[in-house]
Amino acid sequence: MNIDNLVRRLKRPKGVVCGIAAMMADKFGWSRLWTRVVWAIAVIMNPAISLLVYFALALVLPKWDPQY
């Protein structure tokens, strides 16, 4: 797998794991690529807390109204 394929995969709208990073990016107008990269770094740095926050957002994020 080369870097171009990885970047293309991270930019896809389809969820890589459960789609929360893509949903956050869409809801706040952020880049899907960078939202997923930040989540990956957070999980690598502190897996327990990051995954807890990630799954909490999976429950809460669909209920939020768009802010823009």
PDB file of N, CA and C in Angstrom:
ATOM      1  N   MET A   1       0.852  -1.173   0.000  1.00  0.00           N
ATOM      2  CA  MET A   1       0.000   0.000   0.000  1.00  0.00           C
ATOM      3  C   MET A   1       0.899   1.238   0.000  1.00  0.00           C
ATOM      4  N   ASN A   2       0.709   2.094  -0.978  1.00  0.00           N
ATOM      5  CA  ASN A   2       1.508   3.311  -1.004  1.00  0.00           C
ATOM      6  C   ASN A   2       0.742   4.458  -0.362  1.00  0.00           C
ATOM      7  N   ILE A   3       1.389   5.601  -0.212  1.00  0.00           N
ATOM      8  CA  ILE A   3       0.811   6.741   0.488  1.00  0.00           C
ATOM      9  C   ILE A   3      -0.393   7.312  -0.246  1.00  0.00           C
ATOM     10  N   ASP A   4      -0.408   7.256  -1.581  1.00  0.00           N
ATOM     11  CA  ASP A   4      -1.547   7.775  -2.339  1.00  0.00           C
ATOM     12  C   ASP A   4      -2.817   6.975  -2.050  1.00  0.00           C
ATOM     13  N   ASN A   5      -2.691   5.661  -1.957  1.00  0.00           N
ATOM     14  CA  ASN A   5      -3.845   4.828  -1.629  1.00  0.00           C
ATOM     15  C   ASN A   5      -4.347   5.099  -0.213  1.00  0.00           C
ATOM     16  N   LEU A   6      -3.425   5.306   0.717  1.00  0.00           N
ATOM     17  CA  LEU A   6      -3.799   5.604   2.098  1.00  0.00           C
ATOM     18  C   LEU A   6      -4.544   6.934   2.185  1.00  0.00           C
ATOM     19  N   VAL A   7      -4.040   7.960   1.516  1.00  0.00           N
ATOM     20  CA  VAL A   7      -4.690   9.271   1.522  1.00  0.00           C
ATOM     21  C   VAL A   7      -6.063   9.181   0.868  1.00  0.00           C
ATOM     22  N   ARG A   8      -6.166   8.463  -0.236  1.00  0.00           N
ATOM     23  CA  ARG A   8      -7.452   8.286  -0.909  1.00  0.00           C
ATOM     24  C   ARG A   8      -8.461   7.588   0.004  1.00  0.00           C
ATOM     25  N   ARG A   9      -7.997   6.597   0.751  1.00  0.00           N
ATOM     26  CA  ARG A   9      -8.886   5.870   1.663  1.00  0.00           C
ATOM     27  C   ARG A   9      -9.340   6.756   2.817  1.00  0.00           C
ATOM     28  N   LEU A  10      -8.448   7.585   3.339  1.00  0.00           N
ATOM     29  CA  LEU A  10      -8.812   8.456   4.452  1.00  0.00           C
ATOM     30  C   LEU A  10      -9.758   9.580   4.033  1.00  0.00           C
ATOM     31  N   LYS A  11      -9.771   9.928   2.758  1.00  0.00           N
ATOM     32  CA  LYS A  11     -10.649  10.984   2.268  1.00  0.00           C
ATOM     33  C   LYS A  11     -12.043  10.491   1.905  1.00  0.00           C
ATOM     34  N   ARG A  12     -12.223   9.177   1.805  1.00  0.00           N
ATOM     35  CA  ARG A  12     -13.528   8.626   1.402  1.00  0.00           C
ATOM     36  C   ARG A  12     -14.603   8.978   2.419  1.00  0.00           C
ATOM     37  N   PRO A  13     -15.828   9.193   1.951  1.00  0.00           N
ATOM     38  CA  PRO A  13     -16.909   9.486   2.891  1.00  0.00           C
ATOM     39  C   PRO A  13     -17.348   8.277   3.720  1.00  0.00           C
ATOM     40  N   LYS A  14     -17.098   7.090   3.192  1.00  0.00           N
ATOM     41  CA  LYS A  14     -17.467   5.880   3.923  1.00  0.00           C
ATOM     42  C   LYS A  14     -16.595   5.744   5.169  1.00  0.00           C
ATOM     43  N   GLY A  15     -17.186   5.273   6.246  1.00  0.00           N
ATOM     44  CA  GLY A  15     -16.464   5.138   7.505  1.00  0.00           C
ATOM     45  C   GLY A  15     -15.359   4.110   7.443  1.00  0.00           C
ATOM     46  N   VAL A  16     -14.221   4.407   8.057  1.00  0.00           N
ATOM     47  CA  VAL A  16     -13.121   3.458   8.126  1.00  0.00           C
ATOM     48  C   VAL A  16     -13.419   2.441   9.227  1.00  0.00           C
ATOM     49  N   VAL A  17     -13.806   2.913  10.406  1.00  0.00           N
ATOM     50  CA  VAL A  17     -14.165   2.005  11.499  1.00  0.00           C
ATOM     51  C   VAL A  17     -15.666   2.087  11.720  1.00  0.00           C
ATOM     52  N   CYS A  18     -16.126   3.142  12.362  1.00  0.00           N
ATOM     53  CA  CYS A  18     -17.573   3.297  12.518  1.00  0.00           C
ATOM     54  C   CYS A  18     -18.043   4.656  12.032  1.00  0.00           C
ATOM     55  N   GLY A  19     -17.200   5.390  11.354  1.00  0.00           N
ATOM     56  CA  GLY A  19     -17.620   6.590  10.654  1.00  0.00           C
ATOM     57  C   GLY A  19     -17.768   7.850  11.475  1.00  0.00           C
ATOM     58  N   ILE A  20     -17.391   7.841  12.736  1.00  0.00           N
ATOM     59  CA  ILE A  20     -17.574   9.020  13.572  1.00  0.00           C
ATOM     60  C   ILE A  20     -16.659  10.153  13.127  1.00  0.00           C
ATOM     61  N   ALA A  21     -15.441   9.852  12.743  1.00  0.00           N
ATOM     62  CA  ALA A  21     -14.537  10.909  12.271  1.00  0.00           C
ATOM     63  C   ALA A  21     -15.086  11.563  11.013  1.00  0.00           C
ATOM     64  N   ALA A  22     -15.615  10.783  10.100  1.00  0.00           N
ATOM     65  CA  ALA A  22     -16.206  11.342   8.883  1.00  0.00           C
ATOM     66  C   ALA A  22     -17.456  12.140   9.214  1.00  0.00           C
ATOM     67  N   MET A  23     -18.246  11.661  10.159  1.00  0.00           N
ATOM     68  CA  MET A  23     -19.452  12.375  10.558  1.00  0.00           C
ATOM     69  C   MET A  23     -19.100  13.708  11.218  1.00  0.00           C
ATOM     70  N   MET A  24     -18.060  13.711  12.055  1.00  0.00           N
ATOM     71  CA  MET A  24     -17.612  14.969  12.677  1.00  0.00           C
ATOM     72  C   MET A  24     -17.136  15.940  11.611  1.00  0.00           C
ATOM     73  N   ALA A  25     -16.376  15.454  10.665  1.00  0.00           N
ATOM     74  CA  ALA A  25     -15.856  16.316   9.605  1.00  0.00           C
ATOM     75  C   ALA A  25     -16.995  16.927   8.795  1.00  0.00           C
ATOM     76  N   ASP A  26     -17.991  16.141   8.475  1.00  0.00           N
ATOM     77  CA  ASP A  26     -19.135  16.649   7.709  1.00  0.00           C
ATOM     78  C   ASP A  26     -19.942  17.654   8.521  1.00  0.00           C
ATOM     79  N   LYS A  27     -20.165  17.361   9.782  1.00  0.00           N
ATOM     80  CA  LYS A  27     -20.994  18.214  10.624  1.00  0.00           C
ATOM     81  C   LYS A  27     -20.364  19.577  10.872  1.00  0.00           C
ATOM     82  N   PHE A  28     -19.039  19.623  11.006  1.00  0.00           N
ATOM     83  CA  PHE A  28     -18.352  20.874  11.323  1.00  0.00           C
ATOM     84  C   PHE A  28     -17.620  21.477  10.131  1.00  0.00           C
ATOM     85  N   GLY A  29     -17.699  20.838   8.966  1.00  0.00           N
ATOM     86  CA  GLY A  29     -17.061  21.369   7.770  1.00  0.00           C
ATOM     87  C   GLY A  29     -15.547  21.188   7.741  1.00  0.00           C
ATOM     88  N   TRP A  30     -15.064  20.184   8.428  1.00  0.00           N
ATOM     89  CA  TRP A  30     -13.632  19.915   8.477  1.00  0.00           C
ATOM     90  C   TRP A  30     -13.251  18.947   7.368  1.00  0.00           C
ATOM     91  N   SER A  31     -11.950  18.809   7.148  1.00  0.00           N
ATOM     92  CA  SER A  31     -11.429  17.833   6.197  1.00  0.00           C
ATOM     93  C   SER A  31     -11.521  16.430   6.807  1.00  0.00           C
ATOM     94  N   ARG A  32     -12.069  15.483   6.036  1.00  0.00           N
ATOM     95  CA  ARG A  32     -12.148  14.105   6.533  1.00  0.00           C
ATOM     96  C   ARG A  32     -10.760  13.531   6.780  1.00  0.00           C
ATOM     97  N   LEU A  33      -9.847  13.834   5.864  1.00  0.00           N
ATOM     98  CA  LEU A  33      -8.485  13.309   5.992  1.00  0.00           C
ATOM     99  C   LEU A  33      -7.866  13.738   7.321  1.00  0.00           C
ATOM    100  N   TRP A  34      -7.884  15.032   7.613  1.00  0.00           N
ATOM    101  CA  TRP A  34      -7.209  15.519   8.813  1.00  0.00           C
ATOM    102  C   TRP A  34      -7.961  15.147  10.086  1.00  0.00           C
ATOM    103  N   THR A  35      -9.273  15.043  10.013  1.00  0.00           N
ATOM    104  CA  THR A  35     -10.023  14.593  11.186  1.00  0.00           C
ATOM    105  C   THR A  35      -9.650  13.160  11.527  1.00  0.00           C
ATOM    106  N   ARG A  36      -9.539  12.319  10.515  1.00  0.00           N
ATOM    107  CA  ARG A  36      -9.144  10.922  10.753  1.00  0.00           C
ATOM    108  C   ARG A  36      -7.700  10.811  11.210  1.00  0.00           C
ATOM    109  N   VAL A  37      -6.823  11.645  10.679  1.00  0.00           N
ATOM    110  CA  VAL A  37      -5.421  11.625  11.105  1.00  0.00           C
ATOM    111  C   VAL A  37      -5.311  12.028  12.569  1.00  0.00           C
ATOM    112  N   VAL A  38      -6.038  13.071  12.970  1.00  0.00           N
ATOM    113  CA  VAL A  38      -5.998  13.516  14.370  1.00  0.00           C
ATOM    114  C   VAL A  38      -6.541  12.425  15.285  1.00  0.00           C
ATOM    115  N   TRP A  39      -7.637  11.771  14.891  1.00  0.00           N
ATOM    116  CA  TRP A  39      -8.161  10.677  15.709  1.00  0.00           C
ATOM    117  C   TRP A  39      -7.161   9.528  15.810  1.00  0.00           C
ATOM    118  N   ALA A  40      -6.491   9.206  14.718  1.00  0.00           N
ATOM    119  CA  ALA A  40      -5.501   8.120  14.746  1.00  0.00           C
ATOM    120  C   ALA A  40      -4.351   8.459  15.686  1.00  0.00           C
ATOM    121  N   ILE A  41      -3.884   9.695  15.636  1.00  0.00           N
ATOM    122  CA  ILE A  41      -2.796  10.116  16.537  1.00  0.00           C
ATOM    123  C   ILE A  41      -3.257  10.070  17.989  1.00  0.00           C
ATOM    124  N   ALA A  42      -4.489  10.538  18.237  1.00  0.00           N
ATOM    125  CA  ALA A  42      -5.015  10.513  19.605  1.00  0.00           C
ATOM    126  C   ALA A  42      -5.122   9.088  20.135  1.00  0.00           C
ATOM    127  N   VAL A  43      -5.557   8.174  19.295  1.00  0.00           N
ATOM    128  CA  VAL A  43      -5.688   6.780  19.730  1.00  0.00           C
ATOM    129  C   VAL A  43      -4.325   6.159  19.985  1.00  0.00           C
ATOM    130  N   ILE A  44      -3.347   6.501  19.177  1.00  0.00           N
ATOM    131  CA  ILE A  44      -1.995   5.967  19.379  1.00  0.00           C
ATOM    132  C   ILE A  44      -1.382   6.535  20.661  1.00  0.00           C
ATOM    133  N   MET A  45      -1.609   7.830  20.913  1.00  0.00           N
ATOM    134  CA  MET A  45      -1.014   8.482  22.092  1.00  0.00           C
ATOM    135  C   MET A  45      -1.668   8.000  23.396  1.00  0.00           C
ATOM    136  N   ASN A  46      -2.990   7.886  23.411  1.00  0.00           N
ATOM    137  CA  ASN A  46      -3.699   7.478  24.619  1.00  0.00           C
ATOM    138  C   ASN A  46      -4.924   6.662  24.211  1.00  0.00           C
ATOM    139  N   PRO A  47      -4.749   5.368  24.005  1.00  0.00           N
ATOM    140  CA  PRO A  47      -5.824   4.548  23.449  1.00  0.00           C
ATOM    141  C   PRO A  47      -7.080   4.476  24.310  1.00  0.00           C
ATOM    142  N   ALA A  48      -6.947   4.343  25.602  1.00  0.00           N
ATOM    143  CA  ALA A  48      -8.123   4.140  26.456  1.00  0.00           C
ATOM    144  C   ALA A  48      -9.047   5.354  26.440  1.00  0.00           C
ATOM    145  N   ILE A  49      -8.504   6.514  26.703  1.00  0.00           N
ATOM    146  CA  ILE A  49      -9.320   7.731  26.755  1.00  0.00           C
ATOM    147  C   ILE A  49      -9.849   8.076  25.365  1.00  0.00           C
ATOM    148  N   SER A  50      -9.021   7.976  24.357  1.00  0.00           N
ATOM    149  CA  SER A  50      -9.441   8.328  23.001  1.00  0.00           C
ATOM    150  C   SER A  50     -10.571   7.439  22.510  1.00  0.00           C
ATOM    151  N   LEU A  51     -10.461   6.159  22.750  1.00  0.00           N
ATOM    152  CA  LEU A  51     -11.523   5.251  22.317  1.00  0.00           C
ATOM    153  C   LEU A  51     -12.798   5.448  23.122  1.00  0.00           C
ATOM    154  N   LEU A  52     -12.664   5.789  24.399  1.00  0.00           N
ATOM    155  CA  LEU A  52     -13.840   6.095  25.205  1.00  0.00           C
ATOM    156  C   LEU A  52     -14.564   7.327  24.663  1.00  0.00           C
ATOM    157  N   VAL A  53     -13.817   8.373  24.343  1.00  0.00           N
ATOM    158  CA  VAL A  53     -14.398   9.583  23.767  1.00  0.00           C
ATOM    159  C   VAL A  53     -14.986   9.282  22.395  1.00  0.00           C
ATOM    160  N   TYR A  54     -14.281   8.507  21.601  1.00  0.00           N
ATOM    161  CA  TYR A  54     -14.746   8.165  20.257  1.00  0.00           C
ATOM    162  C   TYR A  54     -16.101   7.465  20.304  1.00  0.00           C
ATOM    163  N   PHE A  55     -16.255   6.488  21.175  1.00  0.00           N
ATOM    164  CA  PHE A  55     -17.516   5.758  21.246  1.00  0.00           C
ATOM    165  C   PHE A  55     -18.609   6.573  21.938  1.00  0.00           C
ATOM    166  N   ALA A  56     -18.238   7.479  22.851  1.00  0.00           N
ATOM    167  CA  ALA A  56     -19.229   8.396  23.417  1.00  0.00           C
ATOM    168  C   ALA A  56     -19.760   9.319  22.324  1.00  0.00           C
ATOM    169  N   LEU A  57     -18.881   9.805  21.464  1.00  0.00           N
ATOM    170  CA  LEU A  57     -19.319  10.631  20.347  1.00  0.00           C
ATOM    171  C   LEU A  57     -20.198   9.839  19.382  1.00  0.00           C
ATOM    172  N   ALA A  58     -19.940   8.554  19.257  1.00  0.00           N
ATOM    173  CA  ALA A  58     -20.772   7.718  18.384  1.00  0.00           C
ATOM    174  C   ALA A  58     -22.217   7.698  18.874  1.00  0.00           C
ATOM    175  N   LEU A  59     -22.406   7.824  20.163  1.00  0.00           N
ATOM    176  CA  LEU A  59     -23.757   7.851  20.716  1.00  0.00           C
ATOM    177  C   LEU A  59     -24.380   9.248  20.647  1.00  0.00           C
ATOM    178  N   VAL A  60     -23.575  10.298  20.844  1.00  0.00           N
ATOM    179  CA  VAL A  60     -24.090  11.663  20.968  1.00  0.00           C
ATOM    180  C   VAL A  60     -24.144  12.399  19.631  1.00  0.00           C
ATOM    181  N   LEU A  61     -23.171  12.216  18.775  1.00  0.00           N
ATOM    182  CA  LEU A  61     -23.035  13.011  17.557  1.00  0.00           C
ATOM    183  C   LEU A  61     -24.241  12.937  16.627  1.00  0.00           C
ATOM    184  N   PRO A  62     -24.860  11.793  16.417  1.00  0.00           N
ATOM    185  CA  PRO A  62     -26.024  11.776  15.519  1.00  0.00           C
ATOM    186  C   PRO A  62     -27.199  12.637  16.018  1.00  0.00           C
ATOM    187  N   LYS A  63     -27.233  12.938  17.316  1.00  0.00           N
ATOM    188  CA  LYS A  63     -28.329  13.725  17.882  1.00  0.00           C
ATOM    189  C   LYS A  63     -28.077  15.221  17.843  1.00  0.00           C
ATOM    190  N   TRP A  64     -26.820  15.651  17.566  1.00  0.00           N
ATOM    191  CA  TRP A  64     -26.492  17.068  17.522  1.00  0.00           C
ATOM    192  C   TRP A  64     -27.086  17.708  16.278  1.00  0.00           C
ATOM    193  N   ASP A  65     -27.530  18.942  16.424  1.00  0.00           N
ATOM    194  CA  ASP A  65     -27.953  19.732  15.260  1.00  0.00           C
ATOM    195  C   ASP A  65     -26.740  20.409  14.662  1.00  0.00           C
ATOM    196  N   PRO A  66     -26.704  20.569  13.345  1.00  0.00           N
ATOM    197  CA  PRO A  66     -25.573  21.269  12.736  1.00  0.00           C
ATOM    198  C   PRO A  66     -25.496  22.704  13.254  1.00  0.00           C
ATOM    199  N   GLN A  67     -24.291  23.171  13.494  1.00  0.00           N
ATOM    200  CA  GLN A  67     -24.069  24.500  14.053  1.00  0.00           C
ATOM    201  C   GLN A  67     -23.980  25.586  12.989  1.00  0.00           C
ATOM    202  N   TYR A  68     -23.982  25.214  11.735  1.00  0.00           N
ATOM    203  CA  TYR A  68     -23.853  26.212  10.678  1.00  0.00           C
ATOM    204  C   TYR A  68     -25.052  26.233   9.790  1.00  0.00           C
TER     205      TYR A  68
END
